[in-house]
C-alpha atoms as a PDB file:
ATOM      1  CA  MET A   1       0.000   0.000   0.000  1.00  0.00           C
ATOM      2  CA  SER A   2       1.431   3.352  -0.972  1.00  0.00           C
ATOM      3  CA  ALA A   3       1.849   6.112   1.606  1.00  0.00           C
ATOM      4  CA  ILE A   4      -0.540   9.048   1.576  1.00  0.00           C
ATOM      5  CA  LYS A   5       0.964  12.167   0.062  1.00  0.00           C
ATOM      6  CA  THR A   6       1.369  15.013   2.516  1.00  0.00           C
ATOM      7  CA  ALA A   7       0.417  18.453   1.236  1.00  0.00           C
ATOM      8  CA  SER A   8       0.818  21.934   2.709  1.00  0.00           C
ATOM      9  CA  LYS A   9      -2.699  23.041   1.759  1.00  0.00           C
ATOM     10  CA  SER A  10      -5.780  21.429   0.252  1.00  0.00           C
ATOM     11  CA  GLU A  11      -6.838  21.862  -3.343  1.00  0.00           C
ATOM     12  CA  PRO A  12     -10.276  23.306  -4.098  1.00  0.00           C
ATOM     13  CA  HIS A  13     -11.533  20.031  -5.638  1.00  0.00           C
ATOM     14  CA  TRP A  14     -10.522  17.938  -2.595  1.00  0.00           C
ATOM     15  CA  LEU A  15     -13.092  17.102   0.062  1.00  0.00           C
ATOM     16  CA  ASN A  16     -12.371  15.896   3.559  1.00  0.00           C
ATOM     17  CA  LYS A  17     -13.993  12.705   4.823  1.00  0.00           C
ATOM     18  CA  SER A  18     -17.022  14.308   6.476  1.00  0.00           C
ATOM     19  CA  ALA A  19     -17.723  16.620   3.535  1.00  0.00           C
ATOM     20  CA  MET A  20     -17.393  13.732   1.074  1.00  0.00           C
ATOM     21  CA  ALA A  21     -19.698  11.514   3.168  1.00  0.00           C
ATOM     22  CA  GLU A  22     -22.247  14.346   3.440  1.00  0.00           C
ATOM     23  CA  SER A  23     -22.141  15.008  -0.311  1.00  0.00           C
ATOM     24  CA  LEU A  24     -22.777  11.292  -0.928  1.00  0.00           C
ATOM     25  CA  GLY A  25     -25.587  11.174   1.615  1.00  0.00           C
ATOM     26  CA  ILE A  26     -23.947   8.486   3.760  1.00  0.00           C
ATOM     27  CA  SER A  27     -22.384   8.373   7.205  1.00  0.00           C
ATOM     28  CA  VAL A  28     -18.653   8.805   7.790  1.00  0.00           C
ATOM     29  CA  GLN A  29     -18.500   5.201   9.041  1.00  0.00           C
ATOM     30  CA  ALA A  30     -20.100   3.933   5.828  1.00  0.00           C
ATOM     31  CA  PHE A  31     -17.627   5.959   3.793  1.00  0.00           C
ATOM     32  CA  ASP A  32     -14.763   4.419   5.822  1.00  0.00           C
ATOM     33  CA  ARG A  33     -16.035   0.916   4.946  1.00  0.00           C
ATOM     34  CA  TRP A  34     -15.800   1.722   1.241  1.00  0.00           C
ATOM     35  CA  GLY A  35     -12.021   1.835   1.593  1.00  0.00           C
ATOM     36  CA  VAL A  36     -11.450   4.839  -0.690  1.00  0.00           C
ATOM     37  CA  LYS A  37      -7.775   5.790  -0.790  1.00  0.00           C
ATOM     38  CA  PRO A  38      -7.157   9.429   0.199  1.00  0.00           C
ATOM     39  CA  VAL A  39      -5.454  11.678  -2.320  1.00  0.00           C
ATOM     40  CA  ALA A  40      -3.514  13.675   0.299  1.00  0.00           C
ATOM     41  CA  LYS A  41      -3.189  14.553   3.965  1.00  0.00           C
ATOM     42  CA  VAL A  42      -2.976  18.086   5.330  1.00  0.00           C
ATOM     43  CA  GLY A  43      -2.302  18.127   9.058  1.00  0.00           C
ATOM     44  CA  ARG A  44      -4.732  15.675  10.637  1.00  0.00           C
ATOM     45  CA  SER A  45      -7.274  15.864   7.805  1.00  0.00           C
ATOM     46  CA  VAL A  46      -7.303  13.494   4.854  1.00  0.00           C
ATOM     47  CA  TYR A  47      -8.760  14.526   1.524  1.00  0.00           C
ATOM     48  CA  PHE A  48     -10.482  12.669  -1.275  1.00  0.00           C
ATOM     49  CA  THR A  49     -11.403  13.442  -4.857  1.00  0.00           C
ATOM     50  CA  VAL A  50     -14.700  12.639  -6.485  1.00  0.00           C
ATOM     51  CA  ALA A  51     -12.793  10.783  -9.199  1.00  0.00           C
ATOM     52  CA  ASP A  52     -11.220   8.453  -6.610  1.00  0.00           C
ATOM     53  CA  VAL A  53     -14.614   7.775  -5.001  1.00  0.00           C
ATOM     54  CA  LEU A  54     -16.158   7.129  -8.411  1.00  0.00           C
ATOM     55  CA  HIS A  55     -13.300   4.787  -9.354  1.00  0.00           C
ATOM     56  CA  ASN A  56     -13.725   2.936  -6.036  1.00  0.00           C
ATOM     57  CA  ARG A  57     -17.477   2.488  -6.526  1.00  0.00           C
ATOM     58  CA  LEU A  58     -17.088   1.332 -10.145  1.00  0.00           C
ATOM     59  CA  LYS A  59     -14.428  -1.161  -9.106  1.00  0.00           C
ATOM     60  CA  ASN A  60     -16.692  -2.402  -6.292  1.00  0.00           C
ATOM     61  CA  GLU A  61     -19.645  -2.879  -8.682  1.00  0.00           C
ATOM     62  CA  THR A  62     -17.456  -4.659 -11.224  1.00  0.00           C
ATOM     63  CA  GLU A  63     -16.148  -7.051  -8.557  1.00  0.00           C
ATOM     64  CA  LYS A  64     -19.720  -7.835  -7.463  1.00  0.00           C
ATOM     65  CA  HIS A  65     -20.492  -9.232 -10.903  1.00  0.00           C
ATOM     66  CA  GLN A  66     -17.266 -11.190 -11.355  1.00  0.00           C
ATOM     67  CA  PRO A  67     -17.066 -14.818 -10.283  1.00  0.00           C
ATOM     68  CA  LYS A  68     -15.061 -15.224  -7.115  1.00  0.00           C
ATOM     69  CA  THR A  69     -12.103 -17.551  -7.199  1.00  0.00           C
ATOM     70  CA  ILE A  70     -12.214 -19.976  -4.322  1.00  0.00           C
ATOM     71  CA  ASN A  71      -9.129 -21.342  -2.686  1.00  0.00           C
ATOM     72  CA  PRO A  72     -10.219 -24.742  -1.324  1.00  0.00           C
ATOM     73  CA  GLU A  73      -7.501 -24.676   1.348  1.00  0.00           C
ATOM     74  CA  GLU A  74      -9.122 -21.611   2.906  1.00  0.00           C
ATOM     75  CA  LEU A  75     -12.558 -23.238   3.197  1.00  0.00           C
ATOM     76  CA  ASP A  76     -13.759 -25.078   6.282  1.00  0.00           C
ATOM     77  CA  PRO A  77     -13.877 -28.814   5.344  1.00  0.00           C
ATOM     78  CA  ASN A  78     -17.116 -29.169   7.318  1.00  0.00           C
ATOM     79  CA  GLY A  79     -18.726 -26.043   5.885  1.00  0.00           C
ATOM     80  CA  LEU A  80     -21.397 -25.560   3.261  1.00  0.00           C
ATOM     81  CA  ASP A  81     -19.126 -23.527   0.957  1.00  0.00           C
ATOM     82  CA  TYR A  82     -16.612 -26.372   0.864  1.00  0.00           C
ATOM     83  CA  GLU A  83     -19.355 -28.866  -0.039  1.00  0.00           C
ATOM     84  CA  ARG A  84     -20.599 -26.524  -2.793  1.00  0.00           C
ATOM     85  CA  TYR A  85     -17.045 -26.239  -4.110  1.00  0.00           C
ATOM     86  CA  ARG A  86     -16.642 -30.049  -4.134  1.00  0.00           C
ATOM     87  CA  LEU A  87     -19.999 -30.534  -5.896  1.00  0.00           C
ATOM     88  CA  THR A  88     -19.236 -27.910  -8.534  1.00  0.00           C
ATOM     89  CA  LYS A  89     -15.775 -29.364  -9.137  1.00  0.00           C
ATOM     90  CA  ALA A  90     -17.174 -32.900  -9.404  1.00  0.00           C
ATOM     91  CA  GLN A  91     -19.810 -31.730 -11.898  1.00  0.00           C
ATOM     92  CA  ALA A  92     -17.186 -29.941 -13.983  1.00  0.00           C
ATOM     93  CA  ASP A  93     -14.913 -33.005 -13.945  1.00  0.00           C
ATOM     94  CA  ALA A  94     -17.812 -35.274 -14.943  1.00  0.00           C
ATOM     95  CA  GLN A  95     -18.738 -32.987 -17.834  1.00  0.00           C
ATOM     96  CA  GLU A  96     -15.118 -32.852 -18.974  1.00  0.00           C
ATOM     97  CA  LEU A  97     -14.984 -36.653 -18.964  1.00  0.00           C
ATOM     98  CA  LYS A  98     -18.242 -36.856 -20.951  1.00  0.00           C
ATOM     99  CA  ASN A  99     -16.781 -34.454 -23.513  1.00  0.00           C
ATOM    100  CA  GLU A 100     -13.611 -36.545 -23.834  1.00  0.00           C
ATOM    101  CA  ILE A 101     -15.695 -39.716 -24.268  1.00  0.00           C
ATOM    102  CA  ALA A 102     -17.835 -37.990 -26.909  1.00  0.00           C
ATOM    103  CA  LYS A 103     -14.667 -36.981 -28.790  1.00  0.00           C
ATOM    104  CA  HIS A 104     -13.421 -40.591 -28.567  1.00  0.00           C
ATOM    105  CA  GLU A 105     -10.337 -39.453 -26.646  1.00  0.00           C
ATOM    106  CA  VAL A 106     -11.005 -41.776 -23.697  1.00  0.00           C
ATOM    107  CA  VAL A 107     -13.145 -44.829 -23.043  1.00  0.00           C
ATOM    108  CA  PRO A 108     -14.501 -46.140 -19.758  1.00  0.00           C
ATOM    109  CA  VAL A 109     -12.558 -49.052 -18.262  1.00  0.00           C
ATOM    110  CA  GLU A 110     -15.722 -51.170 -18.283  1.00  0.00           C
ATOM    111  CA  PHE A 111     -16.048 -50.744 -22.049  1.00  0.00           C
ATOM    112  CA  ALA A 112     -12.357 -51.472 -22.626  1.00  0.00           C
ATOM    113  CA  SER A 113     -12.653 -54.652 -20.542  1.00  0.00           C
ATOM    114  CA  PHE A 114     -15.784 -55.695 -22.431  1.00  0.00           C
ATOM    115  CA  ALA A 115     -14.252 -55.013 -25.848  1.00  0.00           C
ATOM    116  CA  LEU A 116     -10.960 -56.711 -25.028  1.00  0.00           C
ATOM    117  CA  SER A 117     -12.708 -59.780 -23.602  1.00  0.00           C
ATOM    118  CA  LYS A 118     -14.743 -60.089 -26.852  1.00  0.00           C
ATOM    119  CA  VAL A 119     -11.582 -59.769 -28.968  1.00  0.00           C
ATOM    120  CA  ALA A 120      -9.761 -62.195 -26.665  1.00  0.00           C
ATOM    121  CA  ALA A 121     -12.541 -64.772 -27.139  1.00  0.00           C
ATOM    122  CA  GLU A 122     -12.272 -64.438 -30.935  1.00  0.00           C
ATOM    123  CA  VAL A 123      -8.469 -64.703 -30.868  1.00  0.00           C
ATOM    124  CA  SER A 124      -8.667 -67.657 -28.520  1.00  0.00           C
ATOM    125  CA  GLY A 125     -10.947 -69.485 -30.955  1.00  0.00           C
ATOM    126  CA  ILE A 126      -8.564 -68.798 -33.836  1.00  0.00           C
ATOM    127  CA  LEU A 127      -5.557 -69.969 -31.842  1.00  0.00           C
ATOM    128  CA  ASP A 128      -7.411 -73.108 -30.705  1.00  0.00           C
ATOM    129  CA  ALA A 129      -8.048 -74.136 -34.318  1.00  0.00           C
ATOM    130  CA  LEU A 130      -4.495 -73.319 -35.456  1.00  0.00           C
ATOM    131  CA  PRO A 131      -2.869 -76.731 -34.724  1.00  0.00           C
ATOM    132  CA  LEU A 132      -5.539 -78.537 -36.779  1.00  0.00           C
ATOM    133  CA  ASN A 133      -5.130 -76.076 -39.650  1.00  0.00           C
ATOM    134  CA  MET A 134      -1.350 -76.538 -39.517  1.00  0.00           C
ATOM    135  CA  MET A 135      -1.720 -80.353 -39.662  1.00  0.00           C
ATOM    136  CA  ARG A 136      -4.016 -80.082 -42.711  1.00  0.00           C
ATOM    137  CA  LYS A 137      -1.807 -77.641 -44.586  1.00  0.00           C
ATOM    138  CA  HIS A 138       1.482 -79.246 -43.528  1.00  0.00           C
ATOM    139  CA  PRO A 139       1.035 -83.021 -43.178  1.00  0.00           C
ATOM    140  CA  GLU A 140       4.817 -83.397 -42.860  1.00  0.00           C
ATOM    141  CA  LEU A 141       4.722 -81.957 -39.304  1.00  0.00           C
ATOM    142  CA  THR A 142       5.322 -84.585 -36.638  1.00  0.00           C
ATOM    143  CA  THR A 143       3.114 -85.168 -33.639  1.00  0.00           C
ATOM    144  CA  VAL A 144       5.822 -83.739 -31.358  1.00  0.00           C
ATOM    145  CA  GLN A 145       5.962 -80.524 -33.401  1.00  0.00           C
ATOM    146  CA  ILE A 146       2.166 -80.192 -33.291  1.00  0.00           C
ATOM    147  CA  GLU A 147       2.192 -80.757 -29.501  1.00  0.00           C
ATOM    148  CA  ASN A 148       4.862 -78.062 -29.113  1.00  0.00           C
ATOM    149  CA  ILE A 149       2.698 -75.660 -31.121  1.00  0.00           C
ATOM    150  CA  LYS A 150      -0.349 -76.578 -28.996  1.00  0.00           C
ATOM    151  CA  ARG A 151       1.584 -75.930 -25.756  1.00  0.00           C
ATOM    152  CA  ALA A 152       2.796 -72.510 -26.948  1.00  0.00           C
ATOM    153  CA  LEU A 153      -0.685 -71.586 -28.122  1.00  0.00           C
ATOM    154  CA  ALA A 154      -2.230 -72.747 -24.812  1.00  0.00           C
ATOM    155  CA  LYS A 155       0.031 -70.327 -22.935  1.00  0.00           C
ATOM    156  CA  GLY A 156      -1.006 -67.483 -25.236  1.00  0.00           C
ATOM    157  CA  MET A 157      -4.704 -68.377 -24.985  1.00  0.00           C
ATOM    158  CA  SER A 158      -4.457 -68.527 -21.190  1.00  0.00           C
ATOM    159  CA  SER A 159      -2.880 -65.084 -21.106  1.00  0.00           C
ATOM    160  CA  ILE A 160      -5.473 -63.654 -23.492  1.00  0.00           C
ATOM    161  CA  SER A 161      -8.420 -65.157 -21.611  1.00  0.00           C
ATOM    162  CA  THR A 162      -7.570 -63.292 -18.394  1.00  0.00           C
ATOM    163  CA  ILE A 163      -7.239 -59.844 -20.003  1.00  0.00           C
ATOM    164  CA  ASP A 164     -10.476 -58.535 -18.467  1.00  0.00           C
ATOM    165  CA  GLU A 165      -9.374 -59.675 -14.997  1.00  0.00           C
ATOM    166  CA  ARG A 166      -5.930 -58.050 -15.381  1.00  0.00           C
ATOM    167  CA  MET A 167      -7.292 -54.735 -16.709  1.00  0.00           C
ATOM    168  CA  ASP A 168      -6.985 -52.838 -13.394  1.00  0.00           C
ATOM    169  CA  ASP A 169      -3.358 -53.947 -12.922  1.00  0.00           C
ATOM    170  CA  LEU A 170      -2.533 -53.043 -16.522  1.00  0.00           C
ATOM    171  CA  ILE A 171      -4.031 -49.565 -16.066  1.00  0.00           C
ATOM    172  CA  ASP A 172      -2.028 -49.063 -12.862  1.00  0.00           C
ATOM    173  CA  ASP A 173       1.154 -50.129 -14.697  1.00  0.00           C
ATOM    174  CA  TYR A 174       0.381 -47.756 -17.561  1.00  0.00           C
ATOM    175  CA  ILE A 175      -0.197 -44.803 -15.218  1.00  0.00           C
ATOM    176  CA  ARG A 176       2.951 -45.583 -13.246  1.00  0.00           C
ATOM    177  CA  GLU A 177       5.063 -45.694 -16.448  1.00  0.00           C
ATOM    178  CA  ALA A 178       3.396 -42.640 -17.989  1.00  0.00           C
ATOM    179  CA  THR A 179       3.912 -40.458 -14.914  1.00  0.00           C
ATOM    180  CA  SER A 180       7.500 -41.454 -14.179  1.00  0.00           C
END
């Protein structure tokens, strides 16, 4: 806050606090609450200009119509304002998520699990039929070779079949790698 300028005499367009309050039709105490910065001080009297009062009132009216920024750390966690803040933030986050889903930027985990389990079932069926297809197309393969193929495919099918159960762990791994 800047210091009040000290003057040797008052200017004709300056009004002291009581004269300014009287000209505005309010009490001196009400004028004090407005917080108008004095233009100068002469002796014990402080002086104000109409322009400063007008600027103060316009600024006050403008601030009334501006949204207030809330610092959540300053709110009482058990208070109504804090609960309103949490609700508003949750609604904004939910809308943001809906917008991202609509733009196909994200998908819900439930959908990803559903889609991957469907694809895994299709792939599992293809892999299950692969040894028979190999025997038909390549009759020269021995039984041992076919069994080795079946064993390798069984491991892959087992891994694929549990994809929906492992989804939460895979997401956690992805987040951990993406944020490190």
